Protein backbone atom coordinates (compact mmCIF):
# COMPACT_ATOMS: atom_id res chain seq x y z
CA MET A 1 -61.84 3.28 -42.85
CA PHE A 2 -58.18 2.42 -42.33
CA TYR A 3 -56.01 0.56 -44.84
CA ARG A 4 -52.50 -0.86 -44.76
CA VAL A 5 -50.91 -1.26 -48.19
CA LEU A 6 -47.50 -2.29 -49.45
CA GLY A 7 -46.51 -0.40 -52.60
CA LEU A 8 -43.89 -1.85 -54.96
CA MET A 9 -42.24 0.31 -57.63
CA SER A 10 -39.53 -0.53 -60.16
CA GLY A 11 -38.67 2.24 -62.59
CA THR A 12 -36.96 2.58 -65.94
CA SER A 13 -33.66 3.64 -64.36
CA LEU A 14 -33.32 0.08 -62.91
CA ASP A 15 -32.01 1.35 -59.57
CA GLY A 16 -33.89 -1.30 -57.65
CA LEU A 17 -37.21 -2.30 -56.11
CA ASP A 18 -38.83 0.38 -53.94
CA ILE A 19 -40.94 -1.06 -51.12
CA ALA A 20 -43.17 1.28 -49.10
CA PHE A 21 -45.51 0.34 -46.25
CA CYS A 22 -48.28 2.95 -46.40
CA THR A 23 -51.38 3.67 -44.38
CA PHE A 24 -54.52 5.45 -45.57
CA GLU A 25 -57.51 6.66 -43.58
CA TYR A 26 -60.72 7.89 -45.20
CA ASP A 27 -62.43 10.37 -42.88
CA ASP A 28 -65.77 10.25 -44.72
CA ASP A 29 -66.24 6.50 -45.08
CA LYS A 30 -68.63 5.94 -42.19
CA LYS A 31 -70.85 8.72 -43.45
CA ASP A 32 -70.63 8.04 -47.19
CA ARG A 33 -70.11 4.29 -47.46
CA GLY A 34 -71.16 2.72 -44.18
CA LEU A 35 -67.91 0.76 -43.90
CA THR A 36 -66.11 0.14 -40.63
CA GLU A 37 -62.82 -1.53 -39.84
CA CYS A 38 -60.53 -2.93 -42.53
CA ASN A 39 -59.02 -6.36 -42.88
CA ASN A 40 -58.27 -8.43 -45.94
CA ASP A 41 -61.81 -9.85 -46.09
CA SER A 42 -63.41 -6.42 -45.81
CA VAL A 43 -61.21 -5.09 -48.57
CA CYS A 44 -62.06 -7.99 -50.82
CA ASN A 45 -65.74 -8.40 -50.02
CA LYS A 46 -67.24 -5.05 -48.95
CA ILE A 47 -66.79 -3.35 -52.29
CA ASN A 48 -70.09 -1.88 -53.44
CA ASN A 49 -71.04 -1.08 -57.01
CA TYR A 50 -69.46 2.30 -56.50
CA THR A 51 -67.42 4.14 -59.07
CA SER A 52 -66.55 7.75 -58.32
CA LEU A 53 -64.06 10.31 -59.52
CA ASN A 54 -64.27 12.29 -56.25
CA LEU A 55 -60.90 14.02 -56.45
CA GLU A 56 -61.65 16.11 -53.37
CA GLN A 57 -61.62 13.28 -50.83
CA ASN A 58 -60.12 13.98 -47.43
CA ILE A 59 -57.61 11.19 -46.89
CA LYS A 60 -54.90 10.94 -44.27
CA TYR A 61 -51.85 9.03 -45.50
CA ARG A 62 -48.40 8.17 -44.30
CA ILE A 63 -45.33 6.32 -45.55
CA GLU A 64 -44.66 4.38 -42.37
CA LYS A 65 -41.55 2.50 -43.44
CA ALA A 66 -39.73 1.97 -46.73
CA THR A 67 -36.62 0.53 -48.30
CA THR A 68 -35.02 -0.04 -51.69
CA ILE A 69 -33.64 -3.41 -52.79
CA PRO A 70 -30.80 -2.56 -55.23
CA TYR A 71 -30.55 -4.55 -58.45
CA ASP A 72 -27.18 -6.15 -59.09
CA LYS A 73 -25.63 -6.10 -62.54
CA GLU A 74 -26.84 -9.62 -63.34
CA LEU A 75 -30.47 -8.75 -62.68
CA LYS A 76 -30.20 -5.45 -64.57
CA ASP A 77 -28.77 -7.31 -67.55
CA LYS A 78 -31.61 -9.86 -67.43
CA ILE A 79 -34.21 -7.09 -67.39
CA THR A 80 -32.52 -5.29 -70.28
CA ALA A 81 -32.34 -8.57 -72.24
CA CYS A 82 -36.15 -8.75 -72.22
CA GLU A 83 -36.26 -6.09 -74.93
CA ASN A 84 -34.79 -8.48 -77.51
CA CYS A 85 -35.71 -11.94 -76.25
CA SER A 86 -38.01 -14.79 -77.16
CA GLY A 87 -41.57 -14.96 -75.93
CA GLU A 88 -40.66 -17.98 -73.82
CA TYR A 89 -37.83 -16.11 -72.08
CA LEU A 90 -40.09 -13.13 -71.45
CA ALA A 91 -42.80 -15.27 -69.86
CA GLU A 92 -40.27 -17.20 -67.78
CA PHE A 93 -38.50 -14.06 -66.58
CA SER A 94 -41.74 -12.28 -65.73
CA ALA A 95 -42.55 -15.17 -63.39
CA TYR A 96 -39.00 -15.12 -62.01
CA LEU A 97 -39.20 -11.39 -61.33
CA GLY A 98 -42.61 -11.80 -59.71
CA HIS A 99 -41.22 -14.43 -57.33
CA PHE A 100 -38.31 -12.08 -56.58
CA PHE A 101 -40.69 -9.21 -55.82
CA GLY A 102 -42.87 -11.46 -53.68
CA LYS A 103 -39.97 -12.84 -51.65
CA GLU A 104 -38.62 -9.35 -50.99
CA ALA A 105 -42.08 -8.11 -49.99
CA LYS A 106 -42.60 -10.98 -47.56
CA LYS A 107 -39.09 -10.54 -46.13
CA PHE A 108 -39.75 -6.81 -45.57
CA LEU A 109 -43.08 -7.49 -43.85
CA THR A 110 -41.65 -10.29 -41.68
CA GLU A 111 -38.53 -8.40 -40.61
CA ASN A 112 -40.60 -5.37 -39.63
CA ASN A 113 -43.46 -7.34 -38.06
CA LEU A 114 -46.01 -5.78 -40.41
CA ALA A 115 -49.31 -6.96 -41.86
CA VAL A 116 -51.04 -5.52 -44.93
CA ASP A 117 -54.45 -5.67 -46.54
CA PHE A 118 -52.89 -6.07 -49.98
CA ILE A 119 -49.85 -5.33 -52.15
CA ALA A 120 -49.91 -2.99 -55.16
CA SER A 121 -47.13 -3.52 -57.70
CA HIS A 122 -46.31 -1.29 -60.66
CA GLY A 123 -44.14 -3.97 -62.28
CA GLN A 124 -41.15 -3.44 -64.54
CA THR A 125 -41.90 -1.77 -67.87
CA VAL A 126 -40.36 -3.62 -70.80
CA PHE A 127 -42.41 -2.28 -73.71
CA HIS A 128 -44.54 0.83 -73.82
CA GLN A 129 -46.05 1.55 -77.23
CA PRO A 130 -49.54 2.97 -76.74
CA ASP A 131 -49.67 4.03 -80.39
CA LYS A 132 -49.78 0.29 -81.13
CA LEU A 133 -52.29 -0.25 -78.31
CA PHE A 134 -50.00 -2.17 -75.98
CA THR A 135 -47.83 -1.76 -72.92
CA LEU A 136 -46.11 -4.45 -70.88
CA GLN A 137 -45.01 -4.43 -67.25
CA ILE A 138 -43.47 -7.71 -66.10
CA GLY A 139 -43.21 -9.13 -62.59
CA ASP A 140 -46.12 -11.59 -62.61
CA ILE A 141 -48.59 -10.64 -59.87
CA ASN A 142 -49.66 -14.28 -59.40
CA SER A 143 -46.08 -15.10 -58.48
CA ILE A 144 -45.96 -12.13 -56.10
CA ALA A 145 -49.14 -13.37 -54.41
CA ALA A 146 -47.80 -16.91 -54.10
CA GLU A 147 -44.56 -15.78 -52.43
CA SER A 148 -45.97 -13.01 -50.25
CA GLU A 149 -49.23 -14.81 -49.34
CA CYS A 150 -51.05 -11.53 -49.90
CA THR A 151 -53.68 -10.22 -52.30
CA VAL A 152 -51.87 -8.38 -55.11
CA ILE A 153 -52.96 -5.71 -57.58
CA GLY A 154 -50.94 -4.85 -60.69
CA ASP A 155 -51.10 -4.17 -64.43
CA PHE A 156 -52.36 -0.62 -63.94
CA ARG A 157 -51.69 0.64 -67.48
CA SER A 158 -53.18 -1.90 -69.89
CA LEU A 159 -56.86 -0.97 -69.64
CA ASP A 160 -56.17 2.70 -70.34
CA VAL A 161 -54.05 1.81 -73.37
CA ALA A 162 -56.82 -0.50 -74.62
CA LEU A 163 -59.17 2.48 -74.28
CA GLY A 164 -56.95 4.50 -76.60
CA GLY A 165 -54.97 6.27 -73.87
CA GLN A 166 -51.26 6.62 -73.27
CA GLY A 167 -51.41 4.45 -70.13
CA ALA A 168 -49.42 7.21 -68.42
CA PRO A 169 -48.86 9.16 -66.35
CA LEU A 170 -50.88 7.40 -63.65
CA VAL A 171 -49.57 9.35 -60.66
CA PRO A 172 -51.79 12.47 -61.15
CA VAL A 173 -54.77 10.97 -59.30
CA GLY A 174 -52.53 10.67 -56.24
CA ASP A 175 -51.06 14.12 -56.82
CA LYS A 176 -54.53 15.64 -56.96
CA ILE A 177 -55.86 13.94 -53.83
CA LEU A 178 -52.83 13.36 -51.59
CA PHE A 179 -50.68 16.35 -52.56
CA LYS A 180 -53.42 18.90 -53.29
CA GLN A 181 -51.53 21.69 -51.47
CA TYR A 182 -48.96 21.88 -54.30
CA PRO A 183 -50.05 23.61 -57.56
CA TYR A 184 -47.51 21.58 -59.56
CA CYS A 185 -46.07 18.12 -58.87
CA LEU A 186 -42.90 17.18 -60.74
CA ASN A 187 -41.22 13.80 -60.67
CA ILE A 188 -37.71 13.40 -62.06
CA GLY A 189 -36.85 9.75 -62.51
CA GLY A 190 -36.00 7.88 -65.68
CA PHE A 191 -38.33 10.42 -67.28
CA SER A 192 -39.53 13.76 -65.96
CA ASN A 193 -43.29 14.21 -65.73
CA ILE A 194 -45.51 16.92 -64.35
CA SER A 195 -49.05 17.09 -62.96
CA PHE A 196 -51.29 20.11 -62.34
CA ASP A 197 -54.84 21.44 -62.60
CA GLU A 198 -55.78 22.96 -65.94
CA GLY A 199 -59.13 24.61 -65.47
CA LYS A 200 -61.39 22.07 -63.78
CA LYS A 201 -59.43 19.06 -65.04
CA ARG A 202 -56.23 17.40 -63.90
CA THR A 203 -53.62 17.19 -66.61
CA ALA A 204 -50.21 15.55 -66.70
CA TYR A 205 -47.62 14.40 -69.21
CA ASP A 206 -44.01 13.42 -69.66
CA ILE A 207 -41.76 16.42 -70.23
CA CYS A 208 -38.53 14.74 -71.31
CA PRO A 209 -36.26 11.78 -70.63
CA ALA A 210 -34.06 12.44 -67.59
CA ASN A 211 -32.07 9.88 -65.60
CA ILE A 212 -32.52 7.20 -68.24
CA VAL A 213 -30.21 9.30 -70.46
CA LEU A 214 -27.90 10.75 -67.79
CA ASN A 215 -27.24 7.32 -66.26
CA HIS A 216 -26.62 5.88 -69.73
CA LEU A 217 -23.98 8.53 -70.41
CA CYS A 218 -22.37 8.05 -67.00
CA ARG A 219 -21.77 4.36 -67.68
CA PHE A 220 -19.25 5.32 -70.37
CA ILE A 221 -17.10 6.93 -67.68
CA ASN A 222 -17.63 4.04 -65.25
CA LEU A 223 -20.10 5.80 -62.97
CA PRO A 224 -23.66 4.71 -62.14
CA TYR A 225 -24.97 8.31 -62.13
CA ASP A 226 -23.90 11.95 -61.82
CA ASP A 227 -23.87 12.36 -58.04
CA GLY A 228 -25.39 15.73 -57.18
CA GLY A 229 -24.80 16.89 -60.75
CA LYS A 230 -21.10 17.50 -60.06
CA ILE A 231 -20.01 16.31 -63.50
CA ALA A 232 -22.50 18.57 -65.23
CA GLU A 233 -21.60 21.50 -62.99
CA HIS A 234 -17.91 21.33 -63.85
CA SER A 235 -18.14 20.42 -67.53
CA GLU A 236 -18.74 22.47 -70.65
CA ILE A 237 -22.09 22.73 -72.40
CA ASN A 238 -22.01 22.18 -76.16
CA GLU A 239 -24.40 24.78 -77.55
CA ASP A 240 -24.89 23.01 -80.89
CA LEU A 241 -25.84 19.77 -79.18
CA LEU A 242 -28.15 21.64 -76.81
CA ARG A 243 -29.91 23.28 -79.73
CA ASP A 244 -30.36 19.93 -81.52
CA LEU A 245 -31.84 18.36 -78.38
CA ASN A 246 -34.19 21.28 -77.80
CA ASP A 247 -35.32 21.09 -81.45
CA ILE A 248 -36.64 17.52 -81.19
CA PRO A 249 -40.19 17.75 -82.64
CA TYR A 250 -41.81 16.57 -79.39
CA TYR A 251 -40.64 19.77 -77.68
CA VAL A 252 -41.10 22.14 -80.60
CA ASN A 253 -44.65 20.97 -81.38
CA LYS A 254 -45.65 21.01 -77.70
CA GLU A 255 -47.03 17.48 -77.93
CA ARG A 256 -48.27 15.79 -74.79
CA GLN A 257 -47.86 12.06 -74.49
CA SER A 258 -46.04 9.38 -72.54
CA LEU A 259 -42.46 8.60 -73.42
CA GLY A 260 -40.67 5.26 -73.29
CA LYS A 261 -37.23 3.83 -73.85
CA GLU A 262 -38.10 3.17 -77.48
CA TRP A 263 -38.66 6.91 -77.96
CA VAL A 264 -35.28 7.69 -76.40
CA GLU A 265 -33.53 5.22 -78.68
CA LYS A 266 -35.22 6.72 -81.73
CA PHE A 267 -34.88 10.45 -81.02
CA VAL A 268 -32.29 11.14 -78.30
CA PHE A 269 -29.47 8.62 -78.55
CA PRO A 270 -28.84 9.24 -82.30
CA ILE A 271 -28.32 12.95 -81.61
CA LEU A 272 -25.96 12.30 -78.71
CA ASN A 273 -24.03 9.71 -80.71
CA SER A 274 -23.54 12.14 -83.60
CA TYR A 275 -21.30 14.40 -81.49
CA SER A 276 -17.62 13.51 -80.97
CA ILE A 277 -17.24 15.32 -77.67
CA SER A 278 -16.44 14.09 -74.18
CA TYR A 279 -19.10 12.25 -72.22
CA GLN A 280 -18.67 14.85 -69.50
CA SER A 281 -19.72 17.53 -71.97
CA LYS A 282 -22.68 15.40 -73.11
CA ILE A 283 -23.76 15.01 -69.48
CA ALA A 284 -23.52 18.76 -68.89
CA THR A 285 -25.42 19.52 -72.09
CA TYR A 286 -28.16 17.01 -71.45
CA THR A 287 -28.57 18.25 -67.87
CA GLU A 288 -29.11 21.76 -69.22
CA HIS A 289 -31.60 20.35 -71.74
CA ILE A 290 -33.61 18.74 -68.92
CA ALA A 291 -33.60 21.96 -66.90
CA THR A 292 -34.68 24.04 -69.89
CA GLU A 293 -37.55 21.76 -70.84
CA ILE A 294 -38.82 21.36 -67.28
CA ALA A 295 -38.69 25.09 -66.49
CA GLU A 296 -40.95 25.83 -69.48
CA HIS A 297 -43.74 23.79 -67.89
CA ILE A 298 -43.65 25.20 -64.35
CA ASN A 299 -46.17 27.99 -63.81
CA GLY A 300 -46.63 27.77 -60.04
CA ASP A 301 -44.91 26.52 -56.89
CA CYS A 302 -43.70 23.01 -57.60
CA LEU A 303 -43.09 19.89 -55.50
CA VAL A 304 -40.15 17.85 -56.83
CA THR A 305 -39.69 14.14 -56.09
CA GLY A 306 -37.81 11.21 -57.60
CA GLY A 307 -34.10 10.54 -57.82
CA GLY A 308 -33.55 13.75 -59.78
CA ALA A 309 -34.46 15.75 -56.66
CA TYR A 310 -31.02 14.78 -55.34
CA ASN A 311 -29.31 16.24 -58.40
CA THR A 312 -28.59 19.56 -56.73
CA PHE A 313 -27.10 21.17 -59.81
CA LEU A 314 -30.10 20.20 -61.97
CA ILE A 315 -32.54 21.55 -59.38
CA ASN A 316 -30.58 24.81 -59.19
CA ARG A 317 -30.62 25.15 -62.99
CA ILE A 318 -34.39 24.63 -63.03
CA GLY A 319 -34.78 27.22 -60.28
CA LYS A 320 -32.70 29.72 -62.25
CA GLN A 321 -35.07 29.42 -65.20
CA THR A 322 -38.38 29.85 -63.35
CA ASN A 323 -39.78 32.48 -60.98
CA TYR A 324 -41.66 29.96 -58.84
CA LYS A 325 -40.69 28.13 -55.68
CA ILE A 326 -39.08 24.70 -56.12
CA ILE A 327 -40.02 22.56 -53.10
CA ILE A 328 -37.90 19.57 -52.08
CA PRO A 329 -39.74 17.44 -49.45
CA ASP A 330 -38.46 14.90 -46.90
CA ASN A 331 -36.42 11.91 -48.06
CA LEU A 332 -39.24 9.38 -47.72
CA THR A 333 -41.45 11.45 -50.01
CA ILE A 334 -38.62 12.07 -52.49
CA GLN A 335 -37.74 8.40 -52.79
CA TYR A 336 -41.05 6.63 -52.30
CA LYS A 337 -43.80 8.96 -53.55
CA GLU A 338 -44.40 6.76 -56.62
CA ALA A 339 -44.60 3.59 -54.50
CA LEU A 340 -47.04 5.44 -52.21
CA ILE A 341 -49.23 6.50 -55.11
CA PHE A 342 -49.31 3.06 -56.71
CA ALA A 343 -50.39 1.74 -53.31
CA PHE A 344 -53.14 4.39 -53.48
CA LEU A 345 -54.09 3.42 -57.05
CA GLY A 346 -54.44 -0.17 -55.86
CA LEU A 347 -56.65 1.02 -53.03
CA ARG A 348 -58.90 2.92 -55.43
CA ARG A 349 -59.07 -0.21 -57.59
CA LEU A 350 -60.32 -2.30 -54.66
CA ARG A 351 -62.74 0.43 -53.63
CA ASN A 352 -64.00 0.46 -57.22
CA GLU A 353 -63.07 4.14 -57.64
CA ILE A 354 -61.65 5.73 -60.76
CA ASN A 355 -57.84 5.70 -60.70
CA CYS A 356 -56.97 6.61 -64.29
CA LEU A 357 -58.01 9.94 -65.80
CA ARG A 358 -58.81 10.42 -69.48
CA SER A 359 -57.93 14.13 -69.12
CA VAL A 360 -54.36 12.95 -68.46
CA THR A 361 -53.96 9.92 -70.72
CA GLY A 362 -56.23 10.78 -73.65
CA ALA A 363 -58.32 7.62 -73.28
CA LYS A 364 -61.96 7.66 -74.34
CA LYS A 365 -63.11 7.36 -70.73
CA ASP A 366 -61.92 7.42 -67.12
CA SER A 367 -61.30 3.95 -65.76
CA CYS A 368 -60.77 1.89 -62.66
CA SER A 369 -57.71 -0.05 -63.76
CA GLY A 370 -55.65 -2.89 -62.38
CA ALA A 371 -55.76 -6.68 -62.25
CA VAL A 372 -56.39 -8.31 -58.87
CA VAL A 373 -55.10 -11.67 -57.61
CA TYR A 374 -56.92 -12.56 -54.38
CA TYR A 375 -54.96 -14.63 -51.90
CA LYS A 376 -56.84 -16.22 -48.99
């Protein structure tokens, strides 16, 4: 069975909206499910009472075309303002962002003469506090559906959190099935997270904050980010600061959980703010901290994706601290792997297949997560 899916991803670094047109082909469908060609009706209506983990499926996939819609300063400020706003503003802006996502999705499809079976949207995380049993990704999927005139799937994290899980990471299902040739899959975005097999189970977790901190520090020297790690490469590491960062209890106690901006504000920023050194030195020190923490978790050849894959100095520092091969793929995979996998999670949701693993999140059960808005 052949599917065409548009994946939408907006991360914590607020770089912009990633849009990826992806195709998936299940080689075993005719034999195992009796399904034939795919169109929107078949996706919506030919879903059997079928829930399977089946992490060994043979699926052909491809990112056919992709783009990123950069966020301007005004939109970034509006998203940031959601953290300390009224409930009314939050509801209004979630709808606004959904209409924005939907318009951009429809524009992309129209300009490229593409048709899809559905759209899968991660949304924009505003709050993530699984210890309090809630997480919130805005970008209302009803608004996306109205603008794009497509069926939309979103809200992938809430069910897992309600089941006592961390609601993250969600990418490991895609890592296991689509990128099975790589023993370790590492993504370096706002946060760094890793996915690998541990015995017979897939496991994954956030290692440490990454670009969310580096980009924050770069703003104080009027730069959006440390291009290629050049600032870190040519600046001095403060050993005392590095030791304080490495001694954060999360790293020392070897805890495994999902991290959010609230965690950064509680544990990382106070340490950085306590040092009266140049921001260049803070960038160099934090880059070394990221490399040190990541290297400790790599015990096999490792695929690296996300914006951090372009930080050449950071990648070199990780490579210096591990004996395994660090693999940097093609640009489409680097930039749009998360959008691809959320498209895949949406596909598993419509096929009624498990897309969230308790072995990864700590929930009381595996689940088939995501809310669906059908548009006909």
